[in-house]
Amino acid sequence: MGGNFKFHYVIDGNAKGLFASKGEVRQEGLLLGDGLLPYRTVCDSTTRDSRLVLVLDTTDPDIPAKTREHLQGHHLVLHVSNASAESLERYIDRFSSLHEAEAHKKKLVSEGKGHLFRVVACPCC
């Protein structure tokens, strides 16, 4: 997987819109239509059938306005087509973990404790 997928925003359990929007998994974030959702905003993710549920840090100002319109509290639900929601979730989780690890490394380096940072590749991923 990786790359492109199509999706509908889901509000109150129903997919919205007649035509699916285009999405793309990128290194810096998830492209949803024209807006880039940075991975640092994703706190958690899960799937159910062909739906991807993302829990977002809504205090982040970089969440695109169009994405904010479709939030239900802190949750964003996407009905994913032409791709596996589970594969998409795995990619999001990997990139989110990578960005979180990089942020932690920067924090340690700025505190003069960069030597404490270690990276271990997951044998399953």
C-alpha atoms as a PDB file:
ATOM      1  CA  MET A   1       0.000   0.000   0.000  1.00  0.00           C
ATOM      2  CA  GLY A   2       1.231   3.493   0.609  1.00  0.00           C
ATOM      3  CA  GLY A   3       0.589   6.110  -1.975  1.00  0.00           C
ATOM      4  CA  ASN A   4      -2.933   6.968  -3.085  1.00  0.00           C
ATOM      5  CA  PHE A   5      -6.394   6.087  -1.818  1.00  0.00           C
ATOM      6  CA  LYS A   6      -9.939   7.411  -2.102  1.00  0.00           C
ATOM      7  CA  PHE A   7     -12.139   8.319   0.829  1.00  0.00           C
ATOM      8  CA  HIS A   8     -15.372   9.854   2.056  1.00  0.00           C
ATOM      9  CA  TYR A   9     -15.644  11.752   5.329  1.00  0.00           C
ATOM     10  CA  VAL A  10     -18.064  10.008   7.714  1.00  0.00           C
ATOM     11  CA  ILE A  11     -20.416  12.084   9.857  1.00  0.00           C
ATOM     12  CA  ASP A  12     -22.872  10.452  12.283  1.00  0.00           C
ATOM     13  CA  GLY A  13     -22.157   7.031  10.774  1.00  0.00           C
ATOM     14  CA  ASN A  14     -22.870   8.049   7.164  1.00  0.00           C
ATOM     15  CA  ALA A  15     -20.370   8.673   4.383  1.00  0.00           C
ATOM     16  CA  LYS A  16     -20.772  12.215   3.053  1.00  0.00           C
ATOM     17  CA  GLY A  17     -20.641  13.309  -0.564  1.00  0.00           C
ATOM     18  CA  LEU A  18     -21.448  11.679  -3.854  1.00  0.00           C
ATOM     19  CA  PHE A  19     -17.885  11.479  -5.132  1.00  0.00           C
ATOM     20  CA  ALA A  20     -14.881  10.196  -3.206  1.00  0.00           C
ATOM     21  CA  SER A  21     -12.027  12.559  -2.409  1.00  0.00           C
ATOM     22  CA  LYS A  22      -8.413  11.702  -3.162  1.00  0.00           C
ATOM     23  CA  GLY A  23      -5.968  10.986  -0.377  1.00  0.00           C
ATOM     24  CA  GLU A  24      -2.271  10.254  -0.305  1.00  0.00           C
ATOM     25  CA  VAL A  25       0.156   8.873   2.270  1.00  0.00           C
ATOM     26  CA  ARG A  26       3.207  11.124   2.314  1.00  0.00           C
ATOM     27  CA  GLN A  27       6.330  11.242   4.446  1.00  0.00           C
ATOM     28  CA  GLU A  28       5.306  14.529   6.103  1.00  0.00           C
ATOM     29  CA  GLY A  29       1.595  13.838   6.554  1.00  0.00           C
ATOM     30  CA  LEU A  30      -1.657  12.511   5.201  1.00  0.00           C
ATOM     31  CA  LEU A  31      -2.949  14.452   2.210  1.00  0.00           C
ATOM     32  CA  LEU A  32      -6.752  14.595   2.417  1.00  0.00           C
ATOM     33  CA  GLY A  33      -8.088  16.367  -0.652  1.00  0.00           C
ATOM     34  CA  ASP A  34      -6.079  19.597  -0.769  1.00  0.00           C
ATOM     35  CA  GLY A  35      -5.116  19.714   2.916  1.00  0.00           C
ATOM     36  CA  LEU A  36      -2.099  18.088   4.546  1.00  0.00           C
ATOM     37  CA  LEU A  37      -2.796  16.540   7.954  1.00  0.00           C
ATOM     38  CA  PRO A  38       0.578  16.317   9.775  1.00  0.00           C
ATOM     39  CA  TYR A  39       1.281  12.995  11.495  1.00  0.00           C
ATOM     40  CA  ARG A  40       2.099  14.800  14.741  1.00  0.00           C
ATOM     41  CA  THR A  41      -1.624  15.595  15.074  1.00  0.00           C
ATOM     42  CA  VAL A  42      -2.587  11.891  15.065  1.00  0.00           C
ATOM     43  CA  CYS A  43      -2.799  10.596  18.644  1.00  0.00           C
ATOM     44  CA  ASP A  44      -4.352   7.211  17.866  1.00  0.00           C
ATOM     45  CA  SER A  45      -5.885   5.266  14.990  1.00  0.00           C
ATOM     46  CA  THR A  46      -8.074   2.235  14.517  1.00  0.00           C
ATOM     47  CA  THR A  47     -10.054   0.564  11.769  1.00  0.00           C
ATOM     48  CA  ARG A  48     -13.430  -1.034  11.459  1.00  0.00           C
ATOM     49  CA  ASP A  49     -14.195  -2.732   8.132  1.00  0.00           C
ATOM     50  CA  SER A  50     -13.378  -0.073   5.523  1.00  0.00           C
ATOM     51  CA  ARG A  51     -13.432   2.823   7.977  1.00  0.00           C
ATOM     52  CA  LEU A  52     -10.389   4.499   9.436  1.00  0.00           C
ATOM     53  CA  VAL A  53     -10.826   6.378  12.717  1.00  0.00           C
ATOM     54  CA  LEU A  54      -8.174   8.921  13.685  1.00  0.00           C
ATOM     55  CA  VAL A  55      -8.013  10.592  17.085  1.00  0.00           C
ATOM     56  CA  LEU A  56      -6.461  14.020  16.574  1.00  0.00           C
ATOM     57  CA  ASP A  57      -4.821  16.626  18.763  1.00  0.00           C
ATOM     58  CA  THR A  58      -7.314  19.363  17.916  1.00  0.00           C
ATOM     59  CA  THR A  59      -5.178  22.039  19.584  1.00  0.00           C
ATOM     60  CA  ASP A  60      -2.694  21.835  16.693  1.00  0.00           C
ATOM     61  CA  PRO A  61      -3.211  24.853  14.393  1.00  0.00           C
ATOM     62  CA  ASP A  62      -1.921  22.941  11.335  1.00  0.00           C
ATOM     63  CA  ILE A  63      -5.045  20.790  10.971  1.00  0.00           C
ATOM     64  CA  PRO A  64      -6.583  21.899   7.651  1.00  0.00           C
ATOM     65  CA  ALA A  65      -9.891  23.810   7.833  1.00  0.00           C
ATOM     66  CA  LYS A  66     -11.686  21.258   5.627  1.00  0.00           C
ATOM     67  CA  THR A  67     -10.583  18.475   7.977  1.00  0.00           C
ATOM     68  CA  ARG A  68     -11.740  20.460  11.018  1.00  0.00           C
ATOM     69  CA  GLU A  69     -15.205  20.752   9.443  1.00  0.00           C
ATOM     70  CA  HIS A  70     -15.518  16.954   9.517  1.00  0.00           C
ATOM     71  CA  LEU A  71     -14.262  16.344  13.055  1.00  0.00           C
ATOM     72  CA  GLN A  72     -16.593  14.775  15.569  1.00  0.00           C
ATOM     73  CA  GLY A  73     -15.046  15.913  18.809  1.00  0.00           C
ATOM     74  CA  HIS A  74     -11.436  14.740  18.508  1.00  0.00           C
ATOM     75  CA  HIS A  75     -12.299  12.017  15.973  1.00  0.00           C
ATOM     76  CA  LEU A  76     -12.011  11.990  12.213  1.00  0.00           C
ATOM     77  CA  VAL A  77     -13.698   9.052  10.468  1.00  0.00           C
ATOM     78  CA  LEU A  78     -12.890   8.169   6.858  1.00  0.00           C
ATOM     79  CA  HIS A  79     -14.592   5.559   4.677  1.00  0.00           C
ATOM     80  CA  VAL A  80     -11.654   4.283   2.607  1.00  0.00           C
ATOM     81  CA  SER A  81     -12.068   2.788  -0.851  1.00  0.00           C
ATOM     82  CA  ASN A  82      -9.624   1.282  -3.379  1.00  0.00           C
ATOM     83  CA  ALA A  83      -7.188   0.591  -0.502  1.00  0.00           C
ATOM     84  CA  SER A  84      -7.155  -1.417   2.688  1.00  0.00           C
ATOM     85  CA  ALA A  85      -8.017   0.656   5.779  1.00  0.00           C
ATOM     86  CA  GLU A  86      -5.750  -1.648   7.831  1.00  0.00           C
ATOM     87  CA  SER A  87      -2.769  -1.042   5.533  1.00  0.00           C
ATOM     88  CA  LEU A  88      -3.426   2.672   5.616  1.00  0.00           C
ATOM     89  CA  GLU A  89      -3.539   2.576   9.423  1.00  0.00           C
ATOM     90  CA  ARG A  90      -0.196   0.740   9.552  1.00  0.00           C
ATOM     91  CA  TYR A  91       1.467   3.379   7.362  1.00  0.00           C
ATOM     92  CA  ILE A  92       0.021   6.196   9.461  1.00  0.00           C
ATOM     93  CA  ASP A  93       1.195   4.491  12.667  1.00  0.00           C
ATOM     94  CA  ARG A  94       4.709   4.007  11.285  1.00  0.00           C
ATOM     95  CA  PHE A  95       5.085   7.592  10.118  1.00  0.00           C
ATOM     96  CA  SER A  96       3.557   8.917  13.357  1.00  0.00           C
ATOM     97  CA  SER A  97       6.026   6.856  15.398  1.00  0.00           C
ATOM     98  CA  LEU A  98       8.918   8.090  13.263  1.00  0.00           C
ATOM     99  CA  HIS A  99       7.927  11.732  13.755  1.00  0.00           C
ATOM    100  CA  GLU A 100       7.404  11.202  17.491  1.00  0.00           C
ATOM    101  CA  ALA A 101      10.848   9.594  17.818  1.00  0.00           C
ATOM    102  CA  GLU A 102      12.477  12.464  15.911  1.00  0.00           C
ATOM    103  CA  ALA A 103      10.775  15.022  18.163  1.00  0.00           C
ATOM    104  CA  HIS A 104      11.951  13.125  21.257  1.00  0.00           C
ATOM    105  CA  LYS A 105      15.515  12.999  19.896  1.00  0.00           C
ATOM    106  CA  LYS A 106      15.493  16.770  19.276  1.00  0.00           C
ATOM    107  CA  LYS A 107      14.253  17.359  22.816  1.00  0.00           C
ATOM    108  CA  LEU A 108      17.013  15.194  24.308  1.00  0.00           C
ATOM    109  CA  VAL A 109      19.689  16.851  22.162  1.00  0.00           C
ATOM    110  CA  SER A 110      18.479  20.324  23.192  1.00  0.00           C
ATOM    111  CA  GLU A 111      18.785  19.235  26.853  1.00  0.00           C
ATOM    112  CA  GLY A 112      22.303  17.927  26.244  1.00  0.00           C
ATOM    113  CA  LYS A 113      21.170  14.314  26.646  1.00  0.00           C
ATOM    114  CA  GLY A 114      21.330  13.218  23.011  1.00  0.00           C
ATOM    115  CA  HIS A 115      23.534  10.260  23.941  1.00  0.00           C
ATOM    116  CA  LEU A 116      20.511   8.687  25.720  1.00  0.00           C
ATOM    117  CA  PHE A 117      18.522   8.337  22.501  1.00  0.00           C
ATOM    118  CA  ARG A 118      18.414   4.879  20.911  1.00  0.00           C
ATOM    119  CA  VAL A 119      16.442   3.508  17.963  1.00  0.00           C
ATOM    120  CA  VAL A 120      15.482  -0.132  17.522  1.00  0.00           C
ATOM    121  CA  ALA A 121      13.768  -1.258  14.333  1.00  0.00           C
ATOM    122  CA  CYS A 122      10.667  -3.371  14.907  1.00  0.00           C
ATOM    123  CA  PRO A 123      11.215  -6.821  13.384  1.00  0.00           C
ATOM    124  CA  CYS A 124       7.517  -7.033  12.427  1.00  0.00           C
ATOM    125  CA  CYS A 125       7.402  -3.741  10.560  1.00  0.00           C
END
